[in-house]
């Protein structure tokens, strides 16, 4: 068992069907960095980030709800561990998560597949995490303090409760 997952829940590829599954759900493999760079070139970095943030947060909420349903008795820490393994299986990098207090999470992704301090790349992985954590805890979250460190080859951020207007 790794991060709350059975070894059989890892990624599988069915060559005949052309199917990649992760945690029993179908996925596709494509170059996310190229996608993010193209989105920024097409609509600009600010709009690219907003679009990616909205898309990934929505997807994260659905994935978080699915994970909670699959693991109804799991603690927040166990759900976060499963989610970091999901990142690894999906090829996003080696994600480490640390709980900060009762409702914030520090994320460090080593060897990230998506790199950047702005635009769609800034939002791709971390906005998904905001949706997942929002689903786990039943309130809205946002990412903050995003840093890409080229020398260390890491992306970092904090997932924090969204401030009320």
N, C-alpha and C. Protein backbone atom coordinates (compact mmCIF):
# COMPACT_ATOMS: atom_id res chain seq x y z
N UNK A 1 0.85 -1.17 0.00
CA UNK A 1 0.00 0.00 0.00
C UNK A 1 0.90 1.24 0.00
N UNK A 2 0.65 2.18 -0.92
CA UNK A 2 1.43 3.41 -1.05
C UNK A 2 0.48 4.59 -0.92
N UNK A 3 0.71 5.45 0.07
CA UNK A 3 -0.13 6.64 0.21
C UNK A 3 -1.60 6.35 0.33
N UNK A 4 -1.97 5.19 0.91
CA UNK A 4 -3.38 4.84 1.04
C UNK A 4 -3.94 4.12 -0.17
N UNK A 5 -3.11 3.83 -1.16
CA UNK A 5 -3.55 3.15 -2.37
C UNK A 5 -2.98 1.76 -2.44
N UNK A 6 -3.77 0.83 -2.96
CA UNK A 6 -3.26 -0.51 -3.23
C UNK A 6 -2.42 -0.46 -4.50
N UNK A 7 -1.43 -1.31 -4.57
CA UNK A 7 -0.56 -1.34 -5.76
C UNK A 7 -1.36 -1.53 -7.04
N UNK A 8 -2.48 -2.24 -6.97
CA UNK A 8 -3.30 -2.51 -8.15
C UNK A 8 -4.04 -1.27 -8.63
N UNK A 9 -4.03 -0.19 -7.85
CA UNK A 9 -4.73 1.03 -8.25
C UNK A 9 -3.85 1.96 -9.08
N UNK A 10 -2.63 1.56 -9.34
CA UNK A 10 -1.71 2.40 -10.09
C UNK A 10 -2.10 2.51 -11.55
N UNK A 11 -1.31 3.24 -12.34
CA UNK A 11 -1.62 3.42 -13.75
C UNK A 11 -1.52 2.10 -14.53
N UNK A 12 -2.42 1.93 -15.47
CA UNK A 12 -2.36 0.76 -16.36
C UNK A 12 -2.57 1.25 -17.79
N UNK A 13 -1.95 0.54 -18.72
CA UNK A 13 -2.08 0.86 -20.12
C UNK A 13 -2.52 -0.39 -20.86
N UNK A 14 -3.64 -0.30 -21.56
CA UNK A 14 -4.14 -1.39 -22.38
C UNK A 14 -3.82 -1.04 -23.83
N UNK A 15 -2.82 -1.70 -24.38
CA UNK A 15 -2.35 -1.39 -25.71
C UNK A 15 -3.42 -1.63 -26.77
N UNK A 16 -4.16 -2.74 -26.65
CA UNK A 16 -5.19 -3.05 -27.66
C UNK A 16 -6.28 -1.97 -27.71
N UNK A 17 -6.73 -1.53 -26.55
CA UNK A 17 -7.79 -0.53 -26.49
C UNK A 17 -7.27 0.90 -26.60
N UNK A 18 -5.95 1.06 -26.44
CA UNK A 18 -5.40 2.40 -26.44
C UNK A 18 -5.87 3.19 -25.22
N UNK A 19 -5.90 2.54 -24.06
CA UNK A 19 -6.44 3.14 -22.84
C UNK A 19 -5.38 3.26 -21.75
N UNK A 20 -5.31 4.44 -21.16
CA UNK A 20 -4.49 4.68 -19.98
C UNK A 20 -5.46 4.93 -18.82
N UNK A 21 -5.33 4.16 -17.75
CA UNK A 21 -6.19 4.38 -16.58
C UNK A 21 -5.32 4.65 -15.36
N UNK A 22 -5.80 5.57 -14.53
CA UNK A 22 -5.16 5.91 -13.26
C UNK A 22 -6.26 5.88 -12.22
N UNK A 23 -6.04 5.07 -11.17
CA UNK A 23 -7.05 4.88 -10.13
C UNK A 23 -8.38 4.40 -10.72
N UNK A 24 -8.28 3.61 -11.78
CA UNK A 24 -9.48 3.05 -12.39
C UNK A 24 -10.24 4.00 -13.30
N UNK A 25 -9.72 5.20 -13.52
CA UNK A 25 -10.40 6.18 -14.37
C UNK A 25 -9.54 6.45 -15.59
N UNK A 26 -10.18 6.62 -16.74
CA UNK A 26 -9.46 6.83 -17.99
C UNK A 26 -8.82 8.21 -18.04
N UNK A 27 -7.59 8.27 -18.52
CA UNK A 27 -6.83 9.50 -18.70
C UNK A 27 -6.20 9.50 -20.08
N UNK A 28 -5.65 10.63 -20.46
CA UNK A 28 -4.87 10.71 -21.69
C UNK A 28 -3.51 11.30 -21.34
N UNK A 29 -2.54 11.01 -22.15
CA UNK A 29 -1.20 11.55 -21.95
C UNK A 29 -0.92 12.58 -23.04
N UNK A 30 -0.56 13.79 -22.63
CA UNK A 30 -0.14 14.80 -23.59
C UNK A 30 0.81 15.77 -22.91
N UNK A 31 1.51 16.57 -23.68
CA UNK A 31 2.50 17.49 -23.15
C UNK A 31 1.81 18.73 -22.60
N UNK A 32 1.64 18.75 -21.28
CA UNK A 32 0.91 19.81 -20.61
C UNK A 32 1.65 21.16 -20.74
N UNK A 33 2.97 21.14 -20.70
CA UNK A 33 3.72 22.39 -20.82
C UNK A 33 3.47 23.06 -22.16
N UNK A 34 3.47 22.27 -23.23
CA UNK A 34 3.19 22.82 -24.55
C UNK A 34 1.78 23.40 -24.58
N UNK A 35 0.82 22.70 -23.99
CA UNK A 35 -0.56 23.18 -23.93
C UNK A 35 -0.64 24.52 -23.19
N UNK A 36 -0.01 24.61 -22.03
CA UNK A 36 -0.03 25.85 -21.25
C UNK A 36 0.65 26.99 -22.00
N UNK A 37 1.80 26.72 -22.60
CA UNK A 37 2.52 27.74 -23.36
C UNK A 37 1.68 28.23 -24.55
N UNK A 38 1.00 27.30 -25.23
CA UNK A 38 0.16 27.68 -26.36
C UNK A 38 -1.02 28.53 -25.89
N UNK A 39 -1.64 28.15 -24.78
CA UNK A 39 -2.77 28.92 -24.26
C UNK A 39 -2.33 30.35 -23.96
N UNK A 40 -1.17 30.51 -23.33
CA UNK A 40 -0.66 31.85 -23.03
C UNK A 40 -0.38 32.63 -24.31
N UNK A 41 0.17 31.98 -25.31
CA UNK A 41 0.45 32.65 -26.58
C UNK A 41 -0.85 33.07 -27.29
N UNK A 42 -1.86 32.26 -27.12
CA UNK A 42 -3.14 32.51 -27.79
C UNK A 42 -3.93 33.64 -27.14
N UNK A 43 -4.01 33.66 -25.81
CA UNK A 43 -4.88 34.62 -25.12
C UNK A 43 -4.15 35.53 -24.14
N UNK A 44 -2.85 35.34 -23.95
CA UNK A 44 -2.08 36.12 -22.99
C UNK A 44 -1.99 35.39 -21.66
N UNK A 45 -0.93 35.69 -20.91
CA UNK A 45 -0.67 34.97 -19.66
C UNK A 45 -1.75 35.19 -18.61
N UNK A 46 -2.27 36.41 -18.48
CA UNK A 46 -3.30 36.67 -17.46
C UNK A 46 -4.58 35.91 -17.76
N UNK A 47 -5.03 35.98 -18.99
CA UNK A 47 -6.25 35.26 -19.37
C UNK A 47 -6.01 33.76 -19.34
N UNK A 48 -4.82 33.32 -19.76
CA UNK A 48 -4.49 31.90 -19.70
C UNK A 48 -4.56 31.37 -18.29
N UNK A 49 -4.05 32.15 -17.33
CA UNK A 49 -4.13 31.72 -15.93
C UNK A 49 -5.58 31.65 -15.45
N UNK A 50 -6.38 32.66 -15.78
CA UNK A 50 -7.79 32.67 -15.35
C UNK A 50 -8.54 31.47 -15.95
N UNK A 51 -8.33 31.22 -17.22
CA UNK A 51 -9.01 30.09 -17.87
C UNK A 51 -8.59 28.77 -17.25
N UNK A 52 -7.28 28.59 -17.06
CA UNK A 52 -6.78 27.34 -16.49
C UNK A 52 -7.24 27.19 -15.04
N UNK A 53 -7.24 28.28 -14.30
CA UNK A 53 -7.68 28.24 -12.90
C UNK A 53 -9.13 27.75 -12.82
N UNK A 54 -10.00 28.30 -13.66
CA UNK A 54 -11.40 27.90 -13.63
C UNK A 54 -11.59 26.45 -14.05
N UNK A 55 -10.92 26.04 -15.10
CA UNK A 55 -11.03 24.66 -15.58
C UNK A 55 -10.51 23.67 -14.55
N UNK A 56 -9.30 23.90 -14.08
CA UNK A 56 -8.67 22.93 -13.19
C UNK A 56 -9.34 22.88 -11.81
N UNK A 57 -9.80 24.02 -11.32
CA UNK A 57 -10.51 24.01 -10.03
C UNK A 57 -11.78 23.18 -10.13
N UNK A 58 -12.50 23.34 -11.23
CA UNK A 58 -13.73 22.56 -11.43
C UNK A 58 -13.41 21.07 -11.53
N UNK A 59 -12.38 20.72 -12.29
CA UNK A 59 -11.99 19.31 -12.40
C UNK A 59 -11.54 18.77 -11.04
N UNK A 60 -10.79 19.57 -10.28
CA UNK A 60 -10.34 19.16 -8.96
C UNK A 60 -11.50 18.89 -8.01
N UNK A 61 -12.52 19.72 -8.07
CA UNK A 61 -13.69 19.50 -7.20
C UNK A 61 -14.35 18.16 -7.51
N UNK A 62 -14.48 17.86 -8.78
CA UNK A 62 -15.07 16.57 -9.16
C UNK A 62 -14.18 15.40 -8.74
N UNK A 63 -12.88 15.53 -8.94
CA UNK A 63 -11.96 14.47 -8.55
C UNK A 63 -11.92 14.30 -7.03
N UNK A 64 -11.94 15.41 -6.30
CA UNK A 64 -11.96 15.34 -4.84
C UNK A 64 -13.21 14.65 -4.31
N UNK A 65 -14.36 14.97 -4.90
CA UNK A 65 -15.61 14.32 -4.49
C UNK A 65 -15.54 12.82 -4.78
N UNK A 66 -14.98 12.47 -5.93
CA UNK A 66 -14.83 11.06 -6.29
C UNK A 66 -13.92 10.35 -5.30
N UNK A 67 -12.78 10.98 -4.94
CA UNK A 67 -11.86 10.37 -3.98
C UNK A 67 -12.52 10.17 -2.62
N UNK A 68 -13.28 11.16 -2.16
CA UNK A 68 -13.97 11.03 -0.87
C UNK A 68 -14.97 9.88 -0.91
N UNK A 69 -15.64 9.71 -2.04
CA UNK A 69 -16.60 8.62 -2.19
C UNK A 69 -15.89 7.27 -2.18
N UNK A 70 -14.72 7.20 -2.81
CA UNK A 70 -13.95 5.96 -2.85
C UNK A 70 -13.33 5.61 -1.50
N UNK A 71 -13.08 6.62 -0.67
CA UNK A 71 -12.42 6.44 0.63
C UNK A 71 -13.22 7.19 1.70
N UNK A 72 -14.45 6.73 1.99
CA UNK A 72 -15.35 7.49 2.86
C UNK A 72 -14.86 7.64 4.30
N UNK A 73 -14.01 6.76 4.77
CA UNK A 73 -13.54 6.83 6.16
C UNK A 73 -12.14 7.43 6.28
N UNK A 74 -11.60 7.94 5.18
CA UNK A 74 -10.24 8.48 5.19
C UNK A 74 -10.20 9.85 5.87
N UNK A 75 -9.12 10.08 6.60
CA UNK A 75 -8.89 11.39 7.21
C UNK A 75 -8.41 12.36 6.13
N UNK A 76 -8.36 13.65 6.47
CA UNK A 76 -7.84 14.64 5.52
C UNK A 76 -6.41 14.29 5.14
N UNK A 77 -5.60 13.91 6.10
CA UNK A 77 -4.21 13.56 5.82
C UNK A 77 -4.12 12.38 4.85
N UNK A 78 -4.96 11.37 5.04
CA UNK A 78 -4.96 10.21 4.14
C UNK A 78 -5.41 10.61 2.73
N UNK A 79 -6.44 11.47 2.63
CA UNK A 79 -6.90 11.92 1.33
C UNK A 79 -5.82 12.73 0.61
N UNK A 80 -5.11 13.57 1.36
CA UNK A 80 -4.03 14.36 0.77
C UNK A 80 -2.91 13.43 0.28
N UNK A 81 -2.58 12.40 1.06
CA UNK A 81 -1.55 11.44 0.63
C UNK A 81 -1.96 10.72 -0.65
N UNK A 82 -3.22 10.33 -0.74
CA UNK A 82 -3.71 9.69 -1.97
C UNK A 82 -3.58 10.65 -3.15
N UNK A 83 -3.90 11.92 -2.91
CA UNK A 83 -3.84 12.92 -3.97
C UNK A 83 -2.41 13.15 -4.44
N UNK A 84 -1.44 13.13 -3.52
CA UNK A 84 -0.04 13.29 -3.96
C UNK A 84 0.39 12.10 -4.81
N UNK A 85 -0.10 10.92 -4.46
CA UNK A 85 0.21 9.75 -5.29
C UNK A 85 -0.43 9.86 -6.66
N UNK A 86 -1.63 10.42 -6.73
CA UNK A 86 -2.32 10.63 -8.00
C UNK A 86 -1.44 11.52 -8.89
N UNK A 87 -0.89 12.60 -8.30
CA UNK A 87 0.00 13.48 -9.07
C UNK A 87 1.17 12.69 -9.65
N UNK A 88 1.77 11.84 -8.83
CA UNK A 88 2.92 11.05 -9.29
C UNK A 88 2.51 10.11 -10.42
N UNK A 89 1.38 9.42 -10.23
CA UNK A 89 0.92 8.47 -11.25
C UNK A 89 0.59 9.17 -12.56
N UNK A 90 0.07 10.39 -12.46
CA UNK A 90 -0.30 11.14 -13.66
C UNK A 90 0.92 11.76 -14.35
N UNK A 91 2.08 11.70 -13.70
CA UNK A 91 3.29 12.21 -14.31
C UNK A 91 3.52 13.70 -14.09
N UNK A 92 2.81 14.31 -13.13
CA UNK A 92 2.95 15.74 -12.88
C UNK A 92 4.21 16.08 -12.11
N UNK A 93 4.82 15.09 -11.47
CA UNK A 93 6.03 15.31 -10.68
C UNK A 93 5.88 14.62 -9.34
N UNK A 94 6.89 14.79 -8.50
CA UNK A 94 6.89 14.19 -7.16
C UNK A 94 6.36 15.22 -6.18
N UNK A 95 5.07 15.15 -5.91
CA UNK A 95 4.40 16.12 -5.05
C UNK A 95 4.51 15.72 -3.59
N UNK A 96 4.88 16.70 -2.76
CA UNK A 96 4.88 16.52 -1.31
C UNK A 96 3.94 17.58 -0.75
N UNK A 97 3.10 17.16 0.20
CA UNK A 97 2.14 18.07 0.81
C UNK A 97 2.32 18.05 2.32
N UNK A 98 2.26 19.23 2.91
CA UNK A 98 2.35 19.37 4.37
C UNK A 98 1.18 20.19 4.85
N UNK A 99 0.44 19.66 5.81
CA UNK A 99 -0.67 20.40 6.38
C UNK A 99 -0.11 21.55 7.21
N UNK A 100 -0.72 22.72 7.04
CA UNK A 100 -0.38 23.91 7.82
C UNK A 100 -1.62 24.24 8.65
N UNK A 101 -1.55 24.01 9.93
CA UNK A 101 -2.72 24.26 10.76
C UNK A 101 -3.84 23.30 10.40
N UNK A 102 -5.08 23.78 10.50
CA UNK A 102 -6.24 22.92 10.27
C UNK A 102 -6.74 22.95 8.83
N UNK A 103 -6.37 24.00 8.07
CA UNK A 103 -7.01 24.11 6.76
C UNK A 103 -6.15 24.72 5.66
N UNK A 104 -4.86 24.59 5.74
CA UNK A 104 -3.98 25.05 4.66
C UNK A 104 -2.95 23.96 4.37
N UNK A 105 -2.45 23.96 3.15
CA UNK A 105 -1.51 22.93 2.71
C UNK A 105 -0.38 23.58 1.94
N UNK A 106 0.85 23.23 2.28
CA UNK A 106 2.02 23.64 1.50
C UNK A 106 2.34 22.52 0.53
N UNK A 107 2.50 22.87 -0.74
CA UNK A 107 2.83 21.90 -1.77
C UNK A 107 4.20 22.19 -2.35
N UNK A 108 4.98 21.14 -2.56
CA UNK A 108 6.25 21.23 -3.27
C UNK A 108 6.25 20.11 -4.30
N UNK A 109 6.39 20.47 -5.56
CA UNK A 109 6.43 19.49 -6.64
C UNK A 109 7.84 19.48 -7.21
N UNK A 110 8.56 18.39 -6.97
CA UNK A 110 9.90 18.22 -7.53
C UNK A 110 9.78 17.62 -8.92
N UNK A 111 10.65 18.03 -9.81
CA UNK A 111 10.64 17.56 -11.19
C UNK A 111 9.26 17.77 -11.83
N UNK A 112 8.73 19.00 -11.76
CA UNK A 112 7.37 19.23 -12.26
C UNK A 112 7.28 19.13 -13.79
N UNK A 113 6.18 18.57 -14.27
CA UNK A 113 5.93 18.48 -15.70
C UNK A 113 5.54 19.84 -16.27
N UNK A 114 5.00 20.71 -15.40
CA UNK A 114 4.56 22.04 -15.79
C UNK A 114 5.39 23.04 -14.99
N UNK A 115 6.01 23.99 -15.69
CA UNK A 115 6.92 24.92 -15.02
C UNK A 115 6.57 26.35 -15.37
N UNK A 116 6.45 27.21 -14.35
CA UNK A 116 6.23 28.62 -14.61
C UNK A 116 5.62 29.35 -13.44
N UNK A 117 5.96 30.65 -13.34
CA UNK A 117 5.44 31.52 -12.28
C UNK A 117 4.24 32.33 -12.73
N UNK A 118 3.83 32.19 -13.98
CA UNK A 118 2.72 32.99 -14.49
C UNK A 118 1.96 32.20 -15.54
N UNK A 119 0.81 32.71 -15.88
CA UNK A 119 0.01 32.14 -16.94
C UNK A 119 -0.60 30.80 -16.61
N UNK A 120 -0.95 30.07 -17.65
CA UNK A 120 -1.62 28.78 -17.50
C UNK A 120 -0.77 27.79 -16.70
N UNK A 121 0.55 27.84 -16.88
CA UNK A 121 1.43 26.92 -16.16
C UNK A 121 1.36 27.14 -14.65
N UNK A 122 1.22 28.38 -14.23
CA UNK A 122 1.10 28.70 -12.80
C UNK A 122 -0.15 28.05 -12.22
N UNK A 123 -1.22 28.03 -12.99
CA UNK A 123 -2.51 27.55 -12.48
C UNK A 123 -2.76 26.07 -12.68
N UNK A 124 -2.11 25.44 -13.64
CA UNK A 124 -2.52 24.09 -14.05
C UNK A 124 -2.65 23.11 -12.88
N UNK A 125 -1.59 22.85 -12.17
CA UNK A 125 -1.63 21.86 -11.11
C UNK A 125 -2.23 22.41 -9.82
N UNK A 126 -1.87 23.64 -9.47
CA UNK A 126 -2.29 24.17 -8.18
C UNK A 126 -3.77 24.51 -8.13
N UNK A 127 -4.36 24.94 -9.24
CA UNK A 127 -5.81 25.20 -9.26
C UNK A 127 -6.57 23.88 -9.10
N UNK A 128 -6.04 22.81 -9.67
CA UNK A 128 -6.67 21.49 -9.47
C UNK A 128 -6.67 21.15 -7.98
N UNK A 129 -5.54 21.40 -7.32
CA UNK A 129 -5.45 21.13 -5.88
C UNK A 129 -6.45 21.99 -5.10
N UNK A 130 -6.68 23.25 -5.51
CA UNK A 130 -7.66 24.07 -4.78
C UNK A 130 -9.04 23.43 -4.86
N UNK A 131 -9.38 22.89 -6.02
CA UNK A 131 -10.67 22.22 -6.17
C UNK A 131 -10.77 20.96 -5.34
N UNK A 132 -9.70 20.16 -5.35
CA UNK A 132 -9.68 18.93 -4.56
C UNK A 132 -9.86 19.25 -3.07
N UNK A 133 -9.07 20.19 -2.56
CA UNK A 133 -9.14 20.54 -1.13
C UNK A 133 -10.49 21.17 -0.80
N UNK A 134 -11.05 21.98 -1.71
CA UNK A 134 -12.39 22.54 -1.49
C UNK A 134 -13.41 21.43 -1.33
N UNK A 135 -13.28 20.40 -2.13
CA UNK A 135 -14.19 19.26 -2.05
C UNK A 135 -14.00 18.50 -0.74
N UNK A 136 -12.74 18.31 -0.33
CA UNK A 136 -12.47 17.59 0.91
C UNK A 136 -13.03 18.32 2.12
N UNK A 137 -12.90 19.64 2.15
CA UNK A 137 -13.23 20.41 3.36
C UNK A 137 -14.53 21.20 3.29
N UNK A 138 -15.17 21.21 2.12
CA UNK A 138 -16.48 21.85 2.01
C UNK A 138 -16.47 23.36 2.05
N UNK A 139 -15.34 23.98 1.69
CA UNK A 139 -15.27 25.44 1.56
C UNK A 139 -14.26 25.76 0.47
N UNK A 140 -14.30 27.01 -0.02
CA UNK A 140 -13.47 27.37 -1.16
C UNK A 140 -12.03 27.68 -0.76
N UNK A 141 -11.09 27.23 -1.62
CA UNK A 141 -9.67 27.45 -1.41
C UNK A 141 -9.07 28.10 -2.65
N UNK A 142 -7.89 28.70 -2.47
CA UNK A 142 -7.14 29.30 -3.57
C UNK A 142 -5.66 29.01 -3.38
N UNK A 143 -4.89 29.18 -4.45
CA UNK A 143 -3.45 29.01 -4.31
C UNK A 143 -2.80 30.36 -4.07
N UNK A 144 -1.66 30.32 -3.40
CA UNK A 144 -0.95 31.54 -3.05
C UNK A 144 0.55 31.26 -3.07
N UNK A 145 1.34 32.31 -3.25
CA UNK A 145 2.80 32.21 -3.17
C UNK A 145 3.38 31.15 -4.11
N UNK A 146 2.96 31.16 -5.35
CA UNK A 146 3.48 30.21 -6.34
C UNK A 146 4.90 30.61 -6.73
N UNK A 147 5.82 29.66 -6.65
CA UNK A 147 7.21 29.91 -7.01
C UNK A 147 7.73 28.73 -7.83
N UNK A 148 8.30 29.05 -8.97
CA UNK A 148 9.03 28.05 -9.74
C UNK A 148 10.51 28.32 -9.54
N UNK A 149 11.22 27.35 -9.01
CA UNK A 149 12.66 27.46 -8.78
C UNK A 149 13.36 26.60 -9.82
N UNK A 150 13.91 27.25 -10.84
CA UNK A 150 14.54 26.53 -11.94
C UNK A 150 15.76 25.74 -11.47
N UNK A 151 16.55 26.31 -10.57
CA UNK A 151 17.76 25.65 -10.07
C UNK A 151 17.41 24.37 -9.33
N UNK A 152 16.41 24.43 -8.45
CA UNK A 152 16.00 23.25 -7.68
C UNK A 152 15.03 22.37 -8.46
N UNK A 153 14.52 22.86 -9.60
CA UNK A 153 13.53 22.16 -10.41
C UNK A 153 12.30 21.80 -9.56
N UNK A 154 11.74 22.84 -8.91
CA UNK A 154 10.55 22.65 -8.08
C UNK A 154 9.53 23.75 -8.36
N UNK A 155 8.27 23.40 -8.15
CA UNK A 155 7.16 24.35 -8.11
C UNK A 155 6.61 24.27 -6.69
N UNK A 156 6.32 25.42 -6.08
CA UNK A 156 5.81 25.46 -4.72
C UNK A 156 4.61 26.39 -4.64
N UNK A 157 3.73 26.11 -3.70
CA UNK A 157 2.64 27.02 -3.40
C UNK A 157 2.00 26.64 -2.07
N UNK A 158 1.08 27.48 -1.65
CA UNK A 158 0.25 27.17 -0.50
C UNK A 158 -1.20 27.16 -0.96
N UNK A 159 -1.94 26.19 -0.48
CA UNK A 159 -3.39 26.12 -0.73
C UNK A 159 -4.03 26.65 0.56
N UNK A 160 -4.73 27.79 0.43
CA UNK A 160 -5.28 28.48 1.60
C UNK A 160 -6.77 28.73 1.42
N UNK A 161 -7.51 28.93 2.53
CA UNK A 161 -8.93 29.26 2.39
C UNK A 161 -9.09 30.56 1.61
N UNK A 162 -10.10 30.59 0.74
CA UNK A 162 -10.38 31.81 -0.03
C UNK A 162 -10.93 32.85 0.92
N UNK A 163 -10.37 34.07 0.86
CA UNK A 163 -10.88 35.14 1.73
C UNK A 163 -12.25 35.59 1.23
N UNK A 164 -13.08 35.93 2.18
CA UNK A 164 -14.44 36.39 1.85
C UNK A 164 -14.38 37.86 1.44
N UNK A 165 -15.13 38.22 0.37
CA UNK A 165 -15.12 39.62 -0.09
C UNK A 165 -15.83 40.55 0.88
